[in-house]
Amino acid sequence: MTKSTIDRLTSLGEDVIGKASQYPTANRVLQGAMQMKERVDDLSKRVRGLEAMQKQIAELEKRVAKLEGTAKRAAAKPSTPDKAPTKE
């Protein structure tokens, strides 16, 4: 049975990682790379959370603008002045 190119590359990659983990310097490099991957994953999750928050903020800003517009229109309407009691 012949191995496909992908199978050979996978096998070769596993061998290289296995051998590299035996050397302290290479092992530290591999650990650093794994930590970096975890940090990037964490950052991407945080960015996704920020995007959702930005969307919520935009919706709230629209609602506030609408309420402010309603308040301005209500303030602009002329109100009837209170009649002060007159002395007769």
PDB file of N, CA and C in Angstrom:
ATOM      1  N   MET A   1       0.841  -1.172   0.000  1.00  0.00           N
ATOM      2  CA  MET A   1       0.000   0.000   0.000  1.00  0.00           C
ATOM      3  C   MET A   1       0.890   1.241   0.000  1.00  0.00           C
ATOM      4  N   THR A   2       0.646   2.152  -0.894  1.00  0.00           N
ATOM      5  CA  THR A   2       1.477   3.351  -0.984  1.00  0.00           C
ATOM      6  C   THR A   2       0.844   4.470  -0.164  1.00  0.00           C
ATOM      7  N   LYS A   3       1.716   5.272   0.416  1.00  0.00           N
ATOM      8  CA  LYS A   3       1.248   6.404   1.210  1.00  0.00           C
ATOM      9  C   LYS A   3       1.086   7.616   0.307  1.00  0.00           C
ATOM     10  N   SER A   4       0.055   8.377   0.582  1.00  0.00           N
ATOM     11  CA  SER A   4      -0.127   9.605  -0.179  1.00  0.00           C
ATOM     12  C   SER A   4       0.875  10.649   0.315  1.00  0.00           C
ATOM     13  N   THR A   5       1.012  11.697  -0.431  1.00  0.00           N
ATOM     14  CA  THR A   5       1.942  12.767  -0.074  1.00  0.00           C
ATOM     15  C   THR A   5       1.563  13.379   1.266  1.00  0.00           C
ATOM     16  N   ILE A   6       0.292  13.563   1.497  1.00  0.00           N
ATOM     17  CA  ILE A   6      -0.176  14.146   2.761  1.00  0.00           C
ATOM     18  C   ILE A   6       0.191  13.241   3.926  1.00  0.00           C
ATOM     19  N   ASP A   7      -0.019  11.924   3.759  1.00  0.00           N
ATOM     20  CA  ASP A   7       0.319  10.981   4.822  1.00  0.00           C
ATOM     21  C   ASP A   7       1.813  11.017   5.126  1.00  0.00           C
ATOM     22  N   ARG A   8       2.622  11.109   4.085  1.00  0.00           N
ATOM     23  CA  ARG A   8       4.073  11.170   4.293  1.00  0.00           C
ATOM     24  C   ARG A   8       4.480  12.444   5.013  1.00  0.00           C
ATOM     25  N   LEU A   9       3.896  13.553   4.604  1.00  0.00           N
ATOM     26  CA  LEU A   9       4.217  14.828   5.256  1.00  0.00           C
ATOM     27  C   LEU A   9       3.772  14.825   6.722  1.00  0.00           C
ATOM     28  N   THR A  10       2.610  14.260   6.981  1.00  0.00           N
ATOM     29  CA  THR A  10       2.114  14.178   8.357  1.00  0.00           C
ATOM     30  C   THR A  10       3.045  13.340   9.207  1.00  0.00           C
ATOM     31  N   SER A  11       3.432  12.211   8.676  1.00  0.00           N
ATOM     32  CA  SER A  11       4.342  11.320   9.387  1.00  0.00           C
ATOM     33  C   SER A  11       5.688  11.988   9.632  1.00  0.00           C
ATOM     34  N   LEU A  12       6.208  12.655   8.623  1.00  0.00           N
ATOM     35  CA  LEU A  12       7.484  13.356   8.739  1.00  0.00           C
ATOM     36  C   LEU A  12       7.390  14.475   9.774  1.00  0.00           C
ATOM     37  N   GLY A  13       6.286  15.223   9.757  1.00  0.00           N
ATOM     38  CA  GLY A  13       6.088  16.302  10.727  1.00  0.00           C
ATOM     39  C   GLY A  13       6.042  15.781  12.146  1.00  0.00           C
ATOM     40  N   GLU A  14       5.352  14.657  12.349  1.00  0.00           N
ATOM     41  CA  GLU A  14       5.289  14.059  13.681  1.00  0.00           C
ATOM     42  C   GLU A  14       6.671  13.607  14.139  1.00  0.00           C
ATOM     43  N   ASP A  15       7.449  13.041  13.233  1.00  0.00           N
ATOM     44  CA  ASP A  15       8.808  12.609  13.574  1.00  0.00           C
ATOM     45  C   ASP A  15       9.677  13.806  13.967  1.00  0.00           C
ATOM     46  N   VAL A  16       9.567  14.886  13.207  1.00  0.00           N
ATOM     47  CA  VAL A  16      10.375  16.075  13.490  1.00  0.00           C
ATOM     48  C   VAL A  16       9.997  16.652  14.844  1.00  0.00           C
ATOM     49  N   ILE A  17       8.712  16.753  15.127  1.00  0.00           N
ATOM     50  CA  ILE A  17       8.275  17.290  16.419  1.00  0.00           C
ATOM     51  C   ILE A  17       8.720  16.376  17.552  1.00  0.00           C
ATOM     52  N   GLY A  18       8.625  15.077  17.330  1.00  0.00           N
ATOM     53  CA  GLY A  18       9.071  14.121  18.358  1.00  0.00           C
ATOM     54  C   GLY A  18      10.551  14.257  18.655  1.00  0.00           C
ATOM     55  N   LYS A  19      11.357  14.374  17.625  1.00  0.00           N
ATOM     56  CA  LYS A  19      12.800  14.520  17.818  1.00  0.00           C
ATOM     57  C   LYS A  19      13.149  15.880  18.408  1.00  0.00           C
ATOM     58  N   ALA A  20      12.457  16.918  17.953  1.00  0.00           N
ATOM     59  CA  ALA A  20      12.746  18.266  18.441  1.00  0.00           C
ATOM     60  C   ALA A  20      12.403  18.396  19.914  1.00  0.00           C
ATOM     61  N   SER A  21      11.409  17.666  20.379  1.00  0.00           N
ATOM     62  CA  SER A  21      11.021  17.776  21.784  1.00  0.00           C
ATOM     63  C   SER A  21      12.067  17.166  22.714  1.00  0.00           C
ATOM     64  N   GLN A  22      13.003  16.382  22.156  1.00  0.00           N
ATOM     65  CA  GLN A  22      14.062  15.799  22.972  1.00  0.00           C
ATOM     66  C   GLN A  22      15.150  16.818  23.315  1.00  0.00           C
ATOM     67  N   TYR A  23      15.247  17.878  22.539  1.00  0.00           N
ATOM     68  CA  TYR A  23      16.268  18.889  22.769  1.00  0.00           C
ATOM     69  C   TYR A  23      15.647  20.042  23.563  1.00  0.00           C
ATOM     70  N   PRO A  24      16.315  20.475  24.643  1.00  0.00           N
ATOM     71  CA  PRO A  24      15.732  21.514  25.504  1.00  0.00           C
ATOM     72  C   PRO A  24      15.396  22.813  24.764  1.00  0.00           C
ATOM     73  N   THR A  25      16.278  23.284  23.908  1.00  0.00           N
ATOM     74  CA  THR A  25      16.028  24.540  23.206  1.00  0.00           C
ATOM     75  C   THR A  25      14.837  24.394  22.262  1.00  0.00           C
ATOM     76  N   ALA A  26      14.810  23.326  21.505  1.00  0.00           N
ATOM     77  CA  ALA A  26      13.708  23.092  20.577  1.00  0.00           C
ATOM     78  C   ALA A  26      12.400  22.900  21.342  1.00  0.00           C
ATOM     79  N   ASN A  27      12.486  22.262  22.493  1.00  0.00           N
ATOM     80  CA  ASN A  27      11.304  22.045  23.312  1.00  0.00           C
ATOM     81  C   ASN A  27      10.728  23.382  23.781  1.00  0.00           C
ATOM     82  N   ARG A  28      11.604  24.304  24.181  1.00  0.00           N
ATOM     83  CA  ARG A  28      11.148  25.635  24.609  1.00  0.00           C
ATOM     84  C   ARG A  28      10.493  26.384  23.445  1.00  0.00           C
ATOM     85  N   VAL A  29      11.066  26.239  22.262  1.00  0.00           N
ATOM     86  CA  VAL A  29      10.482  26.897  21.088  1.00  0.00           C
ATOM     87  C   VAL A  29       9.085  26.337  20.817  1.00  0.00           C
ATOM     88  N   LEU A  30       8.930  25.026  20.891  1.00  0.00           N
ATOM     89  CA  LEU A  30       7.626  24.403  20.662  1.00  0.00           C
ATOM     90  C   LEU A  30       6.615  24.855  21.717  1.00  0.00           C
ATOM     91  N   GLN A  31       7.050  24.919  22.976  1.00  0.00           N
ATOM     92  CA  GLN A  31       6.155  25.365  24.043  1.00  0.00           C
ATOM     93  C   GLN A  31       5.738  26.822  23.811  1.00  0.00           C
ATOM     94  N   GLY A  32       6.690  27.639  23.398  1.00  0.00           N
ATOM     95  CA  GLY A  32       6.378  29.040  23.108  1.00  0.00           C
ATOM     96  C   GLY A  32       5.381  29.166  21.979  1.00  0.00           C
ATOM     97  N   ALA A  33       5.546  28.349  20.955  1.00  0.00           N
ATOM     98  CA  ALA A  33       4.617  28.375  19.828  1.00  0.00           C
ATOM     99  C   ALA A  33       3.213  27.948  20.270  1.00  0.00           C
ATOM    100  N   MET A  34       3.125  26.955  21.113  1.00  0.00           N
ATOM    101  CA  MET A  34       1.827  26.495  21.603  1.00  0.00           C
ATOM    102  C   MET A  34       1.168  27.569  22.473  1.00  0.00           C
ATOM    103  N   GLN A  35       1.973  28.222  23.325  1.00  0.00           N
ATOM    104  CA  GLN A  35       1.423  29.303  24.154  1.00  0.00           C
ATOM    105  C   GLN A  35       0.938  30.455  23.282  1.00  0.00           C
ATOM    106  N   MET A  36       1.685  30.764  22.235  1.00  0.00           N
ATOM    107  CA  MET A  36       1.287  31.843  21.339  1.00  0.00           C
ATOM    108  C   MET A  36      -0.045  31.507  20.663  1.00  0.00           C
ATOM    109  N   LYS A  37      -0.206  30.251  20.257  1.00  0.00           N
ATOM    110  CA  LYS A  37      -1.462  29.822  19.636  1.00  0.00           C
ATOM    111  C   LYS A  37      -2.616  30.005  20.610  1.00  0.00           C
ATOM    112  N   GLU A  38      -2.419  29.619  21.871  1.00  0.00           N
ATOM    113  CA  GLU A  38      -3.470  29.772  22.877  1.00  0.00           C
ATOM    114  C   GLU A  38      -3.805  31.250  23.093  1.00  0.00           C
ATOM    115  N   ARG A  39      -2.784  32.095  23.116  1.00  0.00           N
ATOM    116  CA  ARG A  39      -3.022  33.531  23.315  1.00  0.00           C
ATOM    117  C   ARG A  39      -3.771  34.138  22.139  1.00  0.00           C
ATOM    118  N   VAL A  40      -3.411  33.738  20.937  1.00  0.00           N
ATOM    119  CA  VAL A  40      -4.111  34.249  19.748  1.00  0.00           C
ATOM    120  C   VAL A  40      -5.570  33.799  19.771  1.00  0.00           C
ATOM    121  N   ASP A  41      -5.812  32.561  20.163  1.00  0.00           N
ATOM    122  CA  ASP A  41      -7.189  32.073  20.269  1.00  0.00           C
ATOM    123  C   ASP A  41      -7.975  32.899  21.289  1.00  0.00           C
ATOM    124  N   ASP A  42      -7.345  33.178  22.437  1.00  0.00           N
ATOM    125  CA  ASP A  42      -7.990  33.968  23.477  1.00  0.00           C
ATOM    126  C   ASP A  42      -8.296  35.379  22.978  1.00  0.00           C
ATOM    127  N   LEU A  43      -7.332  35.981  22.295  1.00  0.00           N
ATOM    128  CA  LEU A  43      -7.542  37.331  21.764  1.00  0.00           C
ATOM    129  C   LEU A  43      -8.660  37.366  20.727  1.00  0.00           C
ATOM    130  N   SER A  44      -8.727  36.353  19.892  1.00  0.00           N
ATOM    131  CA  SER A  44      -9.781  36.332  18.875  1.00  0.00           C
ATOM    132  C   SER A  44     -11.155  36.213  19.528  1.00  0.00           C
ATOM    133  N   LYS A  45     -11.257  35.465  20.632  1.00  0.00           N
ATOM    134  CA  LYS A  45     -12.523  35.370  21.360  1.00  0.00           C
ATOM    135  C   LYS A  45     -12.894  36.729  21.944  1.00  0.00           C
ATOM    136  N   ARG A  46     -11.907  37.431  22.483  1.00  0.00           N
ATOM    137  CA  ARG A  46     -12.170  38.751  23.061  1.00  0.00           C
ATOM    138  C   ARG A  46     -12.610  39.739  21.993  1.00  0.00           C
ATOM    139  N   VAL A  47     -11.986  39.682  20.834  1.00  0.00           N
ATOM    140  CA  VAL A  47     -12.348  40.597  19.743  1.00  0.00           C
ATOM    141  C   VAL A  47     -13.785  40.329  19.306  1.00  0.00           C
ATOM    142  N   ARG A  48     -14.151  39.063  19.221  1.00  0.00           N
ATOM    143  CA  ARG A  48     -15.532  38.744  18.858  1.00  0.00           C
ATOM    144  C   ARG A  48     -16.498  39.320  19.884  1.00  0.00           C
ATOM    145  N   GLY A  49     -16.127  39.273  21.159  1.00  0.00           N
ATOM    146  CA  GLY A  49     -16.956  39.853  22.210  1.00  0.00           C
ATOM    147  C   GLY A  49     -17.055  41.359  22.069  1.00  0.00           C
ATOM    148  N   LEU A  50     -15.961  42.006  21.691  1.00  0.00           N
ATOM    149  CA  LEU A  50     -15.968  43.454  21.503  1.00  0.00           C
ATOM    150  C   LEU A  50     -16.866  43.855  20.340  1.00  0.00           C
ATOM    151  N   GLU A  51     -16.862  43.073  19.290  1.00  0.00           N
ATOM    152  CA  GLU A  51     -17.709  43.368  18.137  1.00  0.00           C
ATOM    153  C   GLU A  51     -19.181  43.325  18.531  1.00  0.00           C
ATOM    154  N   ALA A  52     -19.548  42.363  19.357  1.00  0.00           N
ATOM    155  CA  ALA A  52     -20.936  42.272  19.823  1.00  0.00           C
ATOM    156  C   ALA A  52     -21.280  43.472  20.691  1.00  0.00           C
ATOM    157  N   MET A  53     -20.345  43.888  21.532  1.00  0.00           N
ATOM    158  CA  MET A  53     -20.583  45.055  22.385  1.00  0.00           C
ATOM    159  C   MET A  53     -20.724  46.319  21.545  1.00  0.00           C
ATOM    160  N   GLN A  54     -19.920  46.464  20.513  1.00  0.00           N
ATOM    161  CA  GLN A  54     -20.014  47.636  19.638  1.00  0.00           C
ATOM    162  C   GLN A  54     -21.375  47.700  18.962  1.00  0.00           C
ATOM    163  N   LYS A  55     -21.891  46.555  18.579  1.00  0.00           N
ATOM    164  CA  LYS A  55     -23.205  46.511  17.942  1.00  0.00           C
ATOM    165  C   LYS A  55     -24.280  46.959  18.927  1.00  0.00           C
ATOM    166  N   GLN A  56     -24.175  46.484  20.174  1.00  0.00           N
ATOM    167  CA  GLN A  56     -25.143  46.878  21.196  1.00  0.00           C
ATOM    168  C   GLN A  56     -25.058  48.373  21.481  1.00  0.00           C
ATOM    169  N   ILE A  57     -23.845  48.898  21.533  1.00  0.00           N
ATOM    170  CA  ILE A  57     -23.657  50.327  21.790  1.00  0.00           C
ATOM    171  C   ILE A  57     -24.283  51.149  20.663  1.00  0.00           C
ATOM    172  N   ALA A  58     -24.094  50.725  19.434  1.00  0.00           N
ATOM    173  CA  ALA A  58     -24.674  51.441  18.299  1.00  0.00           C
ATOM    174  C   ALA A  58     -26.200  51.461  18.398  1.00  0.00           C
ATOM    175  N   GLU A  59     -26.796  50.340  18.785  1.00  0.00           N
ATOM    176  CA  GLU A  59     -28.250  50.278  18.931  1.00  0.00           C
ATOM    177  C   GLU A  59     -28.722  51.202  20.058  1.00  0.00           C
ATOM    178  N   LEU A  60     -27.982  51.209  21.161  1.00  0.00           N
ATOM    179  CA  LEU A  60     -28.347  52.084  22.275  1.00  0.00           C
ATOM    180  C   LEU A  60     -28.216  53.556  21.900  1.00  0.00           C
ATOM    181  N   GLU A  61     -27.186  53.892  21.138  1.00  0.00           N
ATOM    182  CA  GLU A  61     -27.008  55.279  20.699  1.00  0.00           C
ATOM    183  C   GLU A  61     -28.181  55.718  19.828  1.00  0.00           C
ATOM    184  N   LYS A  62     -28.665  54.828  18.973  1.00  0.00           N
ATOM    185  CA  LYS A  62     -29.823  55.157  18.140  1.00  0.00           C
ATOM    186  C   LYS A  62     -31.054  55.408  19.006  1.00  0.00           C
ATOM    187  N   ARG A  63     -31.232  54.563  20.019  1.00  0.00           N
ATOM    188  CA  ARG A  63     -32.386  54.729  20.906  1.00  0.00           C
ATOM    189  C   ARG A  63     -32.303  56.040  21.675  1.00  0.00           C
ATOM    190  N   VAL A  64     -31.117  56.381  22.164  1.00  0.00           N
ATOM    191  CA  VAL A  64     -30.934  57.632  22.907  1.00  0.00           C
ATOM    192  C   VAL A  64     -31.193  58.822  21.993  1.00  0.00           C
ATOM    193  N   ALA A  65     -30.685  58.760  20.773  1.00  0.00           N
ATOM    194  CA  ALA A  65     -30.902  59.857  19.820  1.00  0.00           C
ATOM    195  C   ALA A  65     -32.390  60.027  19.551  1.00  0.00           C
ATOM    196  N   LYS A  66     -33.095  58.931  19.423  1.00  0.00           N
ATOM    197  CA  LYS A  66     -34.535  58.991  19.181  1.00  0.00           C
ATOM    198  C   LYS A  66     -35.243  59.619  20.378  1.00  0.00           C
ATOM    199  N   LEU A  67     -34.852  59.211  21.589  1.00  0.00           N
ATOM    200  CA  LEU A  67     -35.464  59.778  22.792  1.00  0.00           C
ATOM    201  C   LEU A  67     -35.140  61.259  22.942  1.00  0.00           C
ATOM    202  N   GLU A  68     -33.918  61.644  22.619  1.00  0.00           N
ATOM    203  CA  GLU A  68     -33.539  63.053  22.697  1.00  0.00           C
ATOM    204  C   GLU A  68     -34.341  63.868  21.693  1.00  0.00           C
ATOM    205  N   GLY A  69     -34.571  63.339  20.529  1.00  0.00           N
ATOM    206  CA  GLY A  69     -35.375  64.024  19.526  1.00  0.00           C
ATOM    207  C   GLY A  69     -36.798  64.215  20.007  1.00  0.00           C
ATOM    208  N   THR A  70     -37.343  63.217  20.668  1.00  0.00           N
ATOM    209  CA  THR A  70     -38.696  63.307  21.206  1.00  0.00           C
ATOM    210  C   THR A  70     -38.746  64.361  22.309  1.00  0.00           C
ATOM    211  N   ALA A  71     -37.732  64.397  23.159  1.00  0.00           N
ATOM    212  CA  ALA A  71     -37.686  65.365  24.260  1.00  0.00           C
ATOM    213  C   ALA A  71     -37.559  66.785  23.716  1.00  0.00           C
ATOM    214  N   LYS A  72     -36.785  66.980  22.662  1.00  0.00           N
ATOM    215  CA  LYS A  72     -36.610  68.311  22.077  1.00  0.00           C
ATOM    216  C   LYS A  72     -37.914  68.798  21.458  1.00  0.00           C
ATOM    217  N   ARG A  73     -38.626  67.896  20.796  1.00  0.00           N
ATOM    218  CA  ARG A  73     -39.895  68.280  20.189  1.00  0.00           C
ATOM    219  C   ARG A  73     -40.911  68.658  21.261  1.00  0.00           C
ATOM    220  N   ALA A  74     -40.913  67.926  22.372  1.00  0.00           N
ATOM    221  CA  ALA A  74     -41.850  68.218  23.453  1.00  0.00           C
ATOM    222  C   ALA A  74     -41.506  69.567  24.094  1.00  0.00           C
ATOM    223  N   ALA A  75     -40.240  69.897  24.206  1.00  0.00           N
ATOM    224  CA  ALA A  75     -39.817  71.164  24.792  1.00  0.00           C
ATOM    225  C   ALA A  75     -40.093  72.323  23.845  1.00  0.00           C
ATOM    226  N   ALA A  76     -40.098  72.083  22.569  1.00  0.00           N
ATOM    227  CA  ALA A  76     -40.300  73.146  21.586  1.00  0.00           C
ATOM    228  C   ALA A  76     -41.765  73.543  21.459  1.00  0.00           C
ATOM    229  N   LYS A  77     -42.681  72.700  21.882  1.00  0.00           N
ATOM    230  CA  LYS A  77     -44.105  73.031  21.784  1.00  0.00           C
ATOM    231  C   LYS A  77     -44.401  74.193  22.722  1.00  0.00           C
ATOM    232  N   PRO A  78     -45.158  75.180  22.239  1.00  0.00           N
ATOM    233  CA  PRO A  78     -45.496  76.298  23.133  1.00  0.00           C
ATOM    234  C   PRO A  78     -46.471  75.818  24.202  1.00  0.00           C
ATOM    235  N   SER A  79     -46.170  76.172  25.407  1.00  0.00           N
ATOM    236  CA  SER A  79     -47.063  75.786  26.488  1.00  0.00           C
ATOM    237  C   SER A  79     -47.889  77.001  26.884  1.00  0.00           C
ATOM    238  N   THR A  80     -49.031  76.768  27.417  1.00  0.00           N
ATOM    239  CA  THR A  80     -49.880  77.883  27.836  1.00  0.00           C
ATOM    240  C   THR A  80     -49.340  78.417  29.146  1.00  0.00           C
ATOM    241  N   PRO A  81     -49.155  79.724  29.230  1.00  0.00           N
ATOM    242  CA  PRO A  81     -48.606  80.273  30.472  1.00  0.00           C
ATOM    243  C   PRO A  81     -49.622  80.181  31.590  1.00  0.00           C
ATOM    244  N   ASP A  82     -49.116  79.984  32.780  1.00  0.00           N
ATOM    245  CA  ASP A  82     -50.003  79.930  33.941  1.00  0.00           C
ATOM    246  C   ASP A  82     -50.548  81.325  34.181  1.00  0.00           C
ATOM    247  N   LYS A  83     -51.825  81.404  34.428  1.00  0.00           N
ATOM    248  CA  LYS A  83     -52.437  82.704  34.698  1.00  0.00           C
ATOM    249  C   LYS A  83     -52.233  83.038  36.168  1.00  0.00           C
ATOM    250  N   ALA A  84     -51.635  84.158  36.373  1.00  0.00           N
ATOM    251  CA  ALA A  84     -51.428  84.620  37.739  1.00  0.00           C
ATOM    252  C   ALA A  84     -52.723  85.257  38.238  1.00  0.00           C
ATOM    253  N   PRO A  85     -53.031  85.045  39.478  1.00  0.00           N
ATOM    254  CA  PRO A  85     -54.263  85.691  39.996  1.00  0.00           C
ATOM    255  C   PRO A  85     -54.105  87.202  39.963  1.00  0.00           C
ATOM    256  N   THR A  86     -55.119  87.883  39.519  1.00  0.00           N
ATOM    257  CA  THR A  86     -55.090  89.344  39.423  1.00  0.00           C
ATOM    258  C   THR A  86     -55.850  89.951  40.583  1.00  0.00           C
ATOM    259  N   LYS A  87     -55.394  91.075  41.010  1.00  0.00           N
ATOM    260  CA  LYS A  87     -56.053  91.789  42.096  1.00  0.00           C
ATOM    261  C   LYS A  87     -57.167  92.637  41.507  1.00  0.00           C
ATOM    262  N   GLU A  88     -58.335  92.500  42.034  1.00  0.00           N
ATOM    263  CA  GLU A  88     -59.435  93.303  41.525  1.00  0.00           C
ATOM    264  C   GLU A  88     -59.923  94.217  42.570  1.00  0.00           C
TER     265      GLU A  88
END
